[in-house]
Amino acid sequence: MKLNPTKNYLKMFGGMLLLGFLLSCAQGPTNLTEEISEANNAFIDAFNAHDAKTLASVYTSDGILLPPNYEKLEGTEALEGFWESIFEMGVDHASLETVYAEGHGDSAYEEGKFLLYSADDDVLDQGKYILIWKKVDGTWKIHIDIWNSSMPLPEPTDPEESEEVNSE
């Protein structure tokens, strides 16, 4: 029996490729809590500097915001306009805490907590968020951003009181 070295090398190479593929599929999620927490620093630096343009650049070019009580916003221009409006409403600075972040290749998700402050350091809002991150050219960027408040809803106003105030 004559052995064909080229055929044997091809089989061995094919086997190695298959093994590599199977091992890469078997990889579980990666804990990225520290890495994503560091990536959040760019967001916080821009937020606390009231730099809506830089803030929007922390997102992917087709990034999505899903703010509470607001329509979906998508793309750099829409995100920049939204953050400008937040600063115009009197939100001065913020803090974020990454609770946990997990990656799967070039995608990751993050669970976190936020605090929003006035210029006088009064807490305006606090809550939790979920972010979907994408790695773009080696840099983690926010792709989808959704959050909600943990503060209680304000007490409903009495309709009769509202009528009295409006009639005065």
N, C-alpha and C. Protein backbone atom coordinates (compact mmCIF):
# COMPACT_ATOMS: atom_id res chain seq x y z
N MET A 1 0.85 -1.18 0.00
CA MET A 1 0.00 0.00 0.00
C MET A 1 0.89 1.23 0.00
N LYS A 2 0.63 2.11 -0.94
CA LYS A 2 1.42 3.32 -1.09
C LYS A 2 0.74 4.46 -0.34
N LEU A 3 1.48 5.15 0.51
CA LEU A 3 0.93 6.27 1.27
C LEU A 3 1.10 7.55 0.47
N ASN A 4 0.06 8.36 0.49
CA ASN A 4 0.11 9.66 -0.19
C ASN A 4 0.29 10.72 0.89
N PRO A 5 1.53 11.29 1.02
CA PRO A 5 1.77 12.25 2.10
C PRO A 5 0.89 13.49 2.00
N THR A 6 0.58 13.96 0.80
CA THR A 6 -0.25 15.15 0.64
C THR A 6 -1.66 14.89 1.18
N LYS A 7 -2.19 13.70 0.87
CA LYS A 7 -3.53 13.35 1.33
C LYS A 7 -3.56 13.24 2.85
N ASN A 8 -2.51 12.68 3.44
CA ASN A 8 -2.44 12.56 4.90
C ASN A 8 -2.34 13.92 5.57
N TYR A 9 -1.55 14.83 4.98
CA TYR A 9 -1.44 16.19 5.53
C TYR A 9 -2.78 16.93 5.45
N LEU A 10 -3.48 16.74 4.34
CA LEU A 10 -4.79 17.39 4.19
C LEU A 10 -5.79 16.87 5.23
N LYS A 11 -5.75 15.56 5.46
CA LYS A 11 -6.64 14.99 6.48
C LYS A 11 -6.29 15.54 7.87
N MET A 12 -4.98 15.58 8.15
CA MET A 12 -4.54 16.09 9.45
C MET A 12 -4.91 17.58 9.59
N PHE A 13 -4.70 18.37 8.54
CA PHE A 13 -5.04 19.79 8.58
C PHE A 13 -6.54 19.97 8.75
N GLY A 14 -7.33 19.19 8.02
CA GLY A 14 -8.79 19.26 8.15
C GLY A 14 -9.26 18.90 9.55
N GLY A 15 -8.61 17.86 10.12
CA GLY A 15 -8.93 17.47 11.48
C GLY A 15 -8.61 18.56 12.49
N MET A 16 -7.48 19.24 12.28
CA MET A 16 -7.10 20.33 13.18
C MET A 16 -8.07 21.50 13.06
N LEU A 17 -8.50 21.81 11.83
CA LEU A 17 -9.49 22.88 11.65
C LEU A 17 -10.80 22.54 12.34
N LEU A 18 -11.23 21.30 12.19
CA LEU A 18 -12.48 20.87 12.83
C LEU A 18 -12.35 20.94 14.35
N LEU A 19 -11.23 20.48 14.88
CA LEU A 19 -11.00 20.54 16.32
C LEU A 19 -11.01 21.99 16.81
N GLY A 20 -10.33 22.87 16.07
CA GLY A 20 -10.31 24.30 16.44
C GLY A 20 -11.70 24.90 16.43
N PHE A 21 -12.49 24.56 15.42
CA PHE A 21 -13.86 25.07 15.34
C PHE A 21 -14.69 24.57 16.52
N LEU A 22 -14.59 23.28 16.82
CA LEU A 22 -15.36 22.72 17.92
C LEU A 22 -14.95 23.33 19.26
N LEU A 23 -13.66 23.55 19.45
CA LEU A 23 -13.20 24.17 20.70
C LEU A 23 -13.69 25.60 20.82
N SER A 24 -13.70 26.34 19.71
CA SER A 24 -14.18 27.72 19.78
C SER A 24 -15.67 27.77 20.06
N CYS A 25 -16.42 26.80 19.57
CA CYS A 25 -17.86 26.75 19.85
C CYS A 25 -18.12 26.37 21.30
N ALA A 26 -17.23 25.58 21.86
CA ALA A 26 -17.42 25.09 23.22
C ALA A 26 -17.06 26.15 24.26
N GLN A 27 -16.39 27.22 23.82
CA GLN A 27 -16.03 28.26 24.78
C GLN A 27 -17.28 28.87 25.38
N GLY A 28 -17.26 28.98 26.66
CA GLY A 28 -18.40 29.59 27.32
C GLY A 28 -18.27 31.10 27.32
N PRO A 29 -19.20 31.77 27.97
CA PRO A 29 -19.15 33.23 28.06
C PRO A 29 -17.95 33.68 28.88
N THR A 30 -17.53 34.89 28.62
CA THR A 30 -16.39 35.48 29.30
C THR A 30 -16.88 36.58 30.24
N ASN A 31 -16.41 36.56 31.47
CA ASN A 31 -16.75 37.63 32.41
C ASN A 31 -15.96 38.87 32.02
N LEU A 32 -16.68 39.92 31.61
CA LEU A 32 -16.06 41.17 31.17
C LEU A 32 -16.38 42.32 32.12
N THR A 33 -16.74 42.03 33.35
CA THR A 33 -17.19 43.07 34.28
C THR A 33 -16.17 44.20 34.38
N GLU A 34 -14.91 43.87 34.58
CA GLU A 34 -13.89 44.93 34.72
C GLU A 34 -13.68 45.68 33.41
N GLU A 35 -13.60 44.95 32.30
CA GLU A 35 -13.35 45.58 31.00
C GLU A 35 -14.49 46.53 30.60
N ILE A 36 -15.72 46.09 30.79
CA ILE A 36 -16.88 46.94 30.46
C ILE A 36 -16.97 48.11 31.44
N SER A 37 -16.67 47.88 32.69
CA SER A 37 -16.67 48.96 33.67
C SER A 37 -15.69 50.06 33.24
N GLU A 38 -14.52 49.66 32.74
CA GLU A 38 -13.55 50.63 32.24
C GLU A 38 -14.07 51.34 30.99
N ALA A 39 -14.76 50.62 30.12
CA ALA A 39 -15.33 51.24 28.92
C ALA A 39 -16.39 52.28 29.30
N ASN A 40 -17.07 52.06 30.42
CA ASN A 40 -18.06 53.03 30.89
C ASN A 40 -17.42 54.36 31.30
N ASN A 41 -16.14 54.35 31.60
CA ASN A 41 -15.47 55.59 31.98
C ASN A 41 -15.55 56.65 30.88
N ALA A 42 -15.46 56.22 29.61
CA ALA A 42 -15.59 57.17 28.49
C ALA A 42 -16.98 57.80 28.48
N PHE A 43 -18.00 56.99 28.79
CA PHE A 43 -19.37 57.49 28.85
C PHE A 43 -19.50 58.52 29.98
N ILE A 44 -19.04 58.16 31.16
CA ILE A 44 -19.16 59.05 32.33
C ILE A 44 -18.35 60.33 32.14
N ASP A 45 -17.14 60.22 31.60
CA ASP A 45 -16.33 61.42 31.36
C ASP A 45 -17.06 62.39 30.43
N ALA A 46 -17.63 61.87 29.34
CA ALA A 46 -18.36 62.72 28.40
C ALA A 46 -19.64 63.25 29.03
N PHE A 47 -20.35 62.42 29.76
CA PHE A 47 -21.60 62.84 30.40
C PHE A 47 -21.33 63.98 31.38
N ASN A 48 -20.36 63.78 32.25
CA ASN A 48 -20.07 64.77 33.29
C ASN A 48 -19.46 66.05 32.73
N ALA A 49 -18.95 66.00 31.51
CA ALA A 49 -18.45 67.19 30.83
C ALA A 49 -19.54 67.85 29.97
N HIS A 50 -20.74 67.27 29.97
CA HIS A 50 -21.86 67.75 29.15
C HIS A 50 -21.49 67.76 27.66
N ASP A 51 -20.73 66.79 27.23
CA ASP A 51 -20.24 66.69 25.86
C ASP A 51 -21.08 65.66 25.10
N ALA A 52 -22.21 66.12 24.58
CA ALA A 52 -23.16 65.21 23.92
C ALA A 52 -22.55 64.56 22.67
N LYS A 53 -21.70 65.29 21.97
CA LYS A 53 -21.08 64.75 20.75
C LYS A 53 -20.18 63.56 21.09
N THR A 54 -19.31 63.72 22.10
CA THR A 54 -18.44 62.62 22.51
C THR A 54 -19.27 61.50 23.12
N LEU A 55 -20.29 61.85 23.87
CA LEU A 55 -21.18 60.86 24.47
C LEU A 55 -21.80 59.98 23.38
N ALA A 56 -22.28 60.59 22.32
CA ALA A 56 -22.88 59.83 21.23
C ALA A 56 -21.85 58.93 20.54
N SER A 57 -20.58 59.33 20.55
CA SER A 57 -19.54 58.53 19.89
C SER A 57 -19.17 57.28 20.70
N VAL A 58 -19.64 57.18 21.94
CA VAL A 58 -19.40 55.98 22.74
C VAL A 58 -20.31 54.84 22.26
N TYR A 59 -21.32 55.18 21.46
CA TYR A 59 -22.27 54.22 20.90
C TYR A 59 -21.82 53.81 19.49
N THR A 60 -22.30 52.67 19.03
CA THR A 60 -22.09 52.30 17.63
C THR A 60 -22.80 53.32 16.75
N SER A 61 -22.41 53.40 15.48
CA SER A 61 -23.01 54.40 14.58
C SER A 61 -24.52 54.19 14.42
N ASP A 62 -24.99 52.96 14.61
CA ASP A 62 -26.42 52.67 14.55
C ASP A 62 -26.97 52.34 15.94
N GLY A 63 -26.33 52.93 16.96
CA GLY A 63 -26.72 52.69 18.35
C GLY A 63 -28.18 53.05 18.61
N ILE A 64 -28.75 52.37 19.58
CA ILE A 64 -30.18 52.53 19.91
C ILE A 64 -30.32 52.91 21.38
N LEU A 65 -31.14 53.93 21.64
CA LEU A 65 -31.53 54.30 23.00
C LEU A 65 -33.00 53.96 23.18
N LEU A 66 -33.32 53.34 24.30
CA LEU A 66 -34.71 53.03 24.65
C LEU A 66 -34.99 53.64 26.02
N PRO A 67 -35.08 54.98 26.08
CA PRO A 67 -35.30 55.63 27.37
C PRO A 67 -36.73 55.45 27.85
N PRO A 68 -36.93 55.52 29.16
CA PRO A 68 -38.29 55.41 29.68
C PRO A 68 -39.16 56.58 29.23
N ASN A 69 -40.41 56.29 28.96
CA ASN A 69 -41.40 57.31 28.57
C ASN A 69 -40.98 58.09 27.33
N TYR A 70 -40.35 57.42 26.40
CA TYR A 70 -39.80 58.08 25.21
C TYR A 70 -39.79 57.08 24.06
N GLU A 71 -39.84 57.58 22.86
CA GLU A 71 -39.76 56.71 21.69
C GLU A 71 -38.33 56.22 21.49
N LYS A 72 -38.18 55.16 20.73
CA LYS A 72 -36.87 54.61 20.38
C LYS A 72 -36.09 55.66 19.58
N LEU A 73 -34.81 55.80 19.92
CA LEU A 73 -33.91 56.70 19.19
C LEU A 73 -32.79 55.87 18.59
N GLU A 74 -32.40 56.20 17.37
CA GLU A 74 -31.38 55.41 16.70
C GLU A 74 -30.45 56.30 15.90
N GLY A 75 -29.15 56.03 16.00
CA GLY A 75 -28.13 56.73 15.22
C GLY A 75 -27.50 57.87 16.00
N THR A 76 -26.31 58.22 15.57
CA THR A 76 -25.48 59.20 16.27
C THR A 76 -26.17 60.54 16.47
N GLU A 77 -26.80 61.07 15.43
CA GLU A 77 -27.44 62.39 15.51
C GLU A 77 -28.58 62.38 16.54
N ALA A 78 -29.41 61.36 16.51
CA ALA A 78 -30.53 61.26 17.45
C ALA A 78 -30.03 61.12 18.89
N LEU A 79 -28.99 60.33 19.08
CA LEU A 79 -28.45 60.13 20.42
C LEU A 79 -27.83 61.41 20.96
N GLU A 80 -27.10 62.12 20.10
CA GLU A 80 -26.50 63.39 20.52
C GLU A 80 -27.58 64.38 20.94
N GLY A 81 -28.65 64.48 20.15
CA GLY A 81 -29.76 65.38 20.49
C GLY A 81 -30.43 65.01 21.80
N PHE A 82 -30.61 63.71 22.03
CA PHE A 82 -31.23 63.27 23.28
C PHE A 82 -30.38 63.68 24.47
N TRP A 83 -29.08 63.40 24.43
CA TRP A 83 -28.23 63.73 25.57
C TRP A 83 -28.14 65.24 25.79
N GLU A 84 -28.16 66.02 24.71
CA GLU A 84 -28.20 67.49 24.85
C GLU A 84 -29.44 67.89 25.63
N SER A 85 -30.59 67.28 25.31
CA SER A 85 -31.84 67.63 26.00
C SER A 85 -31.78 67.25 27.48
N ILE A 86 -31.09 66.17 27.81
CA ILE A 86 -30.95 65.77 29.21
C ILE A 86 -30.18 66.84 29.98
N PHE A 87 -29.12 67.36 29.38
CA PHE A 87 -28.33 68.40 30.05
C PHE A 87 -29.15 69.69 30.18
N GLU A 88 -29.96 70.01 29.17
CA GLU A 88 -30.82 71.20 29.22
C GLU A 88 -31.89 71.08 30.30
N MET A 89 -32.26 69.85 30.67
CA MET A 89 -33.26 69.63 31.73
C MET A 89 -32.67 69.80 33.12
N GLY A 90 -31.36 69.99 33.23
CA GLY A 90 -30.75 70.22 34.53
C GLY A 90 -30.02 69.04 35.13
N VAL A 91 -29.89 67.95 34.36
CA VAL A 91 -29.08 66.84 34.86
C VAL A 91 -27.62 67.26 34.69
N ASP A 92 -26.88 67.25 35.79
CA ASP A 92 -25.52 67.78 35.76
C ASP A 92 -24.46 66.69 35.64
N HIS A 93 -24.58 65.65 36.43
CA HIS A 93 -23.58 64.58 36.38
C HIS A 93 -24.20 63.26 36.79
N ALA A 94 -23.45 62.19 36.54
CA ALA A 94 -23.98 60.85 36.77
C ALA A 94 -22.89 59.93 37.28
N SER A 95 -23.32 58.80 37.80
CA SER A 95 -22.38 57.72 38.14
C SER A 95 -23.00 56.41 37.68
N LEU A 96 -22.14 55.48 37.29
CA LEU A 96 -22.56 54.15 36.85
C LEU A 96 -21.84 53.11 37.67
N GLU A 97 -22.51 52.00 37.90
CA GLU A 97 -21.88 50.85 38.54
C GLU A 97 -22.20 49.61 37.72
N THR A 98 -21.18 48.98 37.19
CA THR A 98 -21.37 47.73 36.47
C THR A 98 -21.57 46.62 37.50
N VAL A 99 -22.75 46.01 37.48
CA VAL A 99 -23.03 44.90 38.37
C VAL A 99 -22.40 43.63 37.80
N TYR A 100 -22.61 43.41 36.51
CA TYR A 100 -22.06 42.22 35.86
C TYR A 100 -22.05 42.46 34.36
N ALA A 101 -21.02 41.97 33.69
CA ALA A 101 -20.95 42.03 32.23
C ALA A 101 -20.38 40.71 31.73
N GLU A 102 -20.99 40.23 30.66
CA GLU A 102 -20.59 38.95 30.10
C GLU A 102 -20.45 39.08 28.60
N GLY A 103 -19.38 38.51 28.06
CA GLY A 103 -19.13 38.62 26.63
C GLY A 103 -19.24 37.30 25.91
N HIS A 104 -19.60 37.41 24.66
CA HIS A 104 -19.67 36.28 23.74
C HIS A 104 -19.05 36.77 22.43
N GLY A 105 -17.75 36.58 22.28
CA GLY A 105 -17.07 37.05 21.08
C GLY A 105 -17.02 38.57 21.06
N ASP A 106 -17.55 39.17 19.98
CA ASP A 106 -17.53 40.63 19.83
C ASP A 106 -18.79 41.30 20.37
N SER A 107 -19.57 40.57 21.16
CA SER A 107 -20.78 41.12 21.78
C SER A 107 -20.73 40.88 23.28
N ALA A 108 -21.37 41.77 24.01
CA ALA A 108 -21.44 41.62 25.46
C ALA A 108 -22.72 42.26 25.95
N TYR A 109 -23.12 41.86 27.14
CA TYR A 109 -24.23 42.55 27.80
C TYR A 109 -23.78 42.95 29.19
N GLU A 110 -24.39 44.01 29.67
CA GLU A 110 -24.04 44.54 30.98
C GLU A 110 -25.30 44.82 31.77
N GLU A 111 -25.28 44.46 33.04
CA GLU A 111 -26.32 44.87 33.99
C GLU A 111 -25.66 45.89 34.90
N GLY A 112 -26.34 47.02 35.11
CA GLY A 112 -25.74 48.04 35.96
C GLY A 112 -26.76 48.89 36.70
N LYS A 113 -26.21 49.80 37.50
CA LYS A 113 -27.01 50.77 38.26
C LYS A 113 -26.51 52.17 37.93
N PHE A 114 -27.42 53.14 37.98
CA PHE A 114 -27.04 54.52 37.71
C PHE A 114 -27.59 55.46 38.76
N LEU A 115 -26.95 56.62 38.87
CA LEU A 115 -27.44 57.75 39.66
C LEU A 115 -27.29 58.99 38.81
N LEU A 116 -28.31 59.85 38.79
CA LEU A 116 -28.27 61.13 38.10
C LEU A 116 -28.38 62.24 39.14
N TYR A 117 -27.55 63.27 38.99
CA TYR A 117 -27.47 64.34 39.98
C TYR A 117 -27.70 65.71 39.36
N SER A 118 -28.17 66.63 40.20
CA SER A 118 -28.25 68.04 39.83
C SER A 118 -26.88 68.68 40.10
N ALA A 119 -26.73 69.93 39.74
CA ALA A 119 -25.49 70.65 40.01
C ALA A 119 -25.25 70.77 41.53
N ASP A 120 -26.32 70.73 42.32
CA ASP A 120 -26.21 70.81 43.78
C ASP A 120 -26.01 69.44 44.43
N ASP A 121 -25.75 68.43 43.64
CA ASP A 121 -25.56 67.05 44.09
C ASP A 121 -26.83 66.40 44.65
N ASP A 122 -27.99 66.95 44.33
CA ASP A 122 -29.24 66.28 44.69
C ASP A 122 -29.44 65.11 43.72
N VAL A 123 -29.90 63.98 44.24
CA VAL A 123 -30.18 62.83 43.38
C VAL A 123 -31.48 63.11 42.65
N LEU A 124 -31.40 63.17 41.32
CA LEU A 124 -32.59 63.40 40.49
C LEU A 124 -33.26 62.08 40.11
N ASP A 125 -32.44 61.05 39.95
CA ASP A 125 -32.98 59.74 39.59
C ASP A 125 -31.93 58.69 39.92
N GLN A 126 -32.42 57.50 40.16
CA GLN A 126 -31.54 56.35 40.33
C GLN A 126 -32.26 55.15 39.77
N GLY A 127 -31.51 54.21 39.25
CA GLY A 127 -32.17 53.06 38.66
C GLY A 127 -31.19 52.02 38.17
N LYS A 128 -31.68 51.23 37.23
CA LYS A 128 -30.89 50.14 36.70
C LYS A 128 -30.94 50.18 35.18
N TYR A 129 -29.95 49.51 34.56
CA TYR A 129 -29.88 49.52 33.11
C TYR A 129 -29.35 48.20 32.59
N ILE A 130 -29.62 47.98 31.33
CA ILE A 130 -29.04 46.87 30.57
C ILE A 130 -28.45 47.49 29.31
N LEU A 131 -27.21 47.13 29.02
CA LEU A 131 -26.55 47.58 27.79
C LEU A 131 -26.13 46.37 26.98
N ILE A 132 -26.28 46.47 25.68
CA ILE A 132 -25.70 45.51 24.75
C ILE A 132 -24.51 46.22 24.11
N TRP A 133 -23.35 45.60 24.22
CA TRP A 133 -22.11 46.18 23.70
C TRP A 133 -21.66 45.42 22.47
N LYS A 134 -20.99 46.12 21.54
CA LYS A 134 -20.36 45.50 20.39
C LYS A 134 -18.92 45.99 20.33
N LYS A 135 -18.02 45.10 20.00
CA LYS A 135 -16.62 45.49 19.85
C LYS A 135 -16.45 45.96 18.41
N VAL A 136 -16.07 47.23 18.24
CA VAL A 136 -15.89 47.84 16.92
C VAL A 136 -14.43 48.30 16.84
N ASP A 137 -13.71 47.74 15.88
CA ASP A 137 -12.29 48.07 15.71
C ASP A 137 -11.51 47.98 17.03
N GLY A 138 -11.80 46.94 17.81
CA GLY A 138 -11.07 46.70 19.04
C GLY A 138 -11.55 47.49 20.25
N THR A 139 -12.60 48.31 20.08
CA THR A 139 -13.12 49.14 21.17
C THR A 139 -14.56 48.74 21.47
N TRP A 140 -14.88 48.58 22.75
CA TRP A 140 -16.26 48.29 23.13
C TRP A 140 -17.11 49.54 22.97
N LYS A 141 -18.22 49.41 22.23
CA LYS A 141 -19.18 50.50 22.01
C LYS A 141 -20.57 50.02 22.43
N ILE A 142 -21.34 50.94 22.96
CA ILE A 142 -22.72 50.61 23.35
C ILE A 142 -23.55 50.50 22.07
N HIS A 143 -24.29 49.41 21.94
CA HIS A 143 -25.15 49.25 20.78
C HIS A 143 -26.62 49.47 21.14
N ILE A 144 -27.05 48.94 22.26
CA ILE A 144 -28.44 49.15 22.72
C ILE A 144 -28.39 49.53 24.20
N ASP A 145 -29.13 50.56 24.54
CA ASP A 145 -29.11 51.13 25.89
C ASP A 145 -30.56 51.28 26.36
N ILE A 146 -30.91 50.58 27.43
CA ILE A 146 -32.25 50.70 28.01
C ILE A 146 -32.10 50.80 29.52
N TRP A 147 -32.90 51.67 30.13
CA TRP A 147 -32.84 51.85 31.58
C TRP A 147 -34.20 52.23 32.11
N ASN A 148 -34.35 52.11 33.43
CA ASN A 148 -35.56 52.59 34.08
C ASN A 148 -35.24 52.98 35.51
N SER A 149 -36.10 53.79 36.04
CA SER A 149 -35.92 54.35 37.37
C SER A 149 -36.30 53.34 38.45
N SER A 150 -35.63 53.46 39.57
CA SER A 150 -36.01 52.68 40.75
C SER A 150 -36.73 53.56 41.78
N MET A 151 -36.90 54.83 41.44
CA MET A 151 -37.57 55.76 42.36
C MET A 151 -39.08 55.56 42.27
N PRO A 152 -39.78 55.76 43.38
CA PRO A 152 -41.24 55.59 43.35
C PRO A 152 -41.89 56.64 42.46
N LEU A 153 -43.02 56.26 41.90
CA LEU A 153 -43.79 57.21 41.10
C LEU A 153 -44.32 58.33 41.99
N PRO A 154 -44.44 59.54 41.45
CA PRO A 154 -45.03 60.61 42.26
C PRO A 154 -46.49 60.31 42.56
N GLU A 155 -46.96 60.84 43.67
CA GLU A 155 -48.37 60.67 44.03
C GLU A 155 -49.23 61.35 42.98
N PRO A 156 -50.34 60.71 42.59
CA PRO A 156 -51.24 61.35 41.62
C PRO A 156 -51.85 62.61 42.22
N THR A 157 -52.07 63.59 41.38
CA THR A 157 -52.70 64.82 41.86
C THR A 157 -54.21 64.64 41.85
N ASP A 158 -54.86 65.32 42.76
CA ASP A 158 -56.31 65.30 42.86
C ASP A 158 -56.86 66.17 41.73
N PRO A 159 -57.73 65.62 40.87
CA PRO A 159 -58.26 66.40 39.75
C PRO A 159 -58.99 67.68 40.20
N GLU A 160 -59.63 67.65 41.37
CA GLU A 160 -60.33 68.83 41.85
C GLU A 160 -59.32 69.93 42.21
N GLU A 161 -58.17 69.55 42.79
CA GLU A 161 -57.14 70.54 43.09
C GLU A 161 -56.59 71.15 41.82
N SER A 162 -56.42 70.35 40.79
CA SER A 162 -55.91 70.85 39.52
C SER A 162 -56.87 71.84 38.91
N GLU A 163 -58.18 71.58 39.01
CA GLU A 163 -59.18 72.50 38.48
C GLU A 163 -59.16 73.82 39.22
N GLU A 164 -59.00 73.77 40.57
CA GLU A 164 -58.95 74.99 41.37
C GLU A 164 -57.73 75.83 41.00
N VAL A 165 -56.60 75.20 40.79
CA VAL A 165 -55.39 75.92 40.44
C VAL A 165 -55.55 76.52 39.05
N ASN A 166 -56.13 75.78 38.12
CA ASN A 166 -56.32 76.28 36.75
C ASN A 166 -57.33 77.40 36.67
N SER A 167 -58.32 77.44 37.57
CA SER A 167 -59.36 78.47 37.50
C SER A 167 -58.90 79.79 38.13
N GLU A 168 -57.83 79.75 38.90
CA GLU A 168 -57.36 80.97 39.58
C GLU A 168 -56.62 81.87 38.68
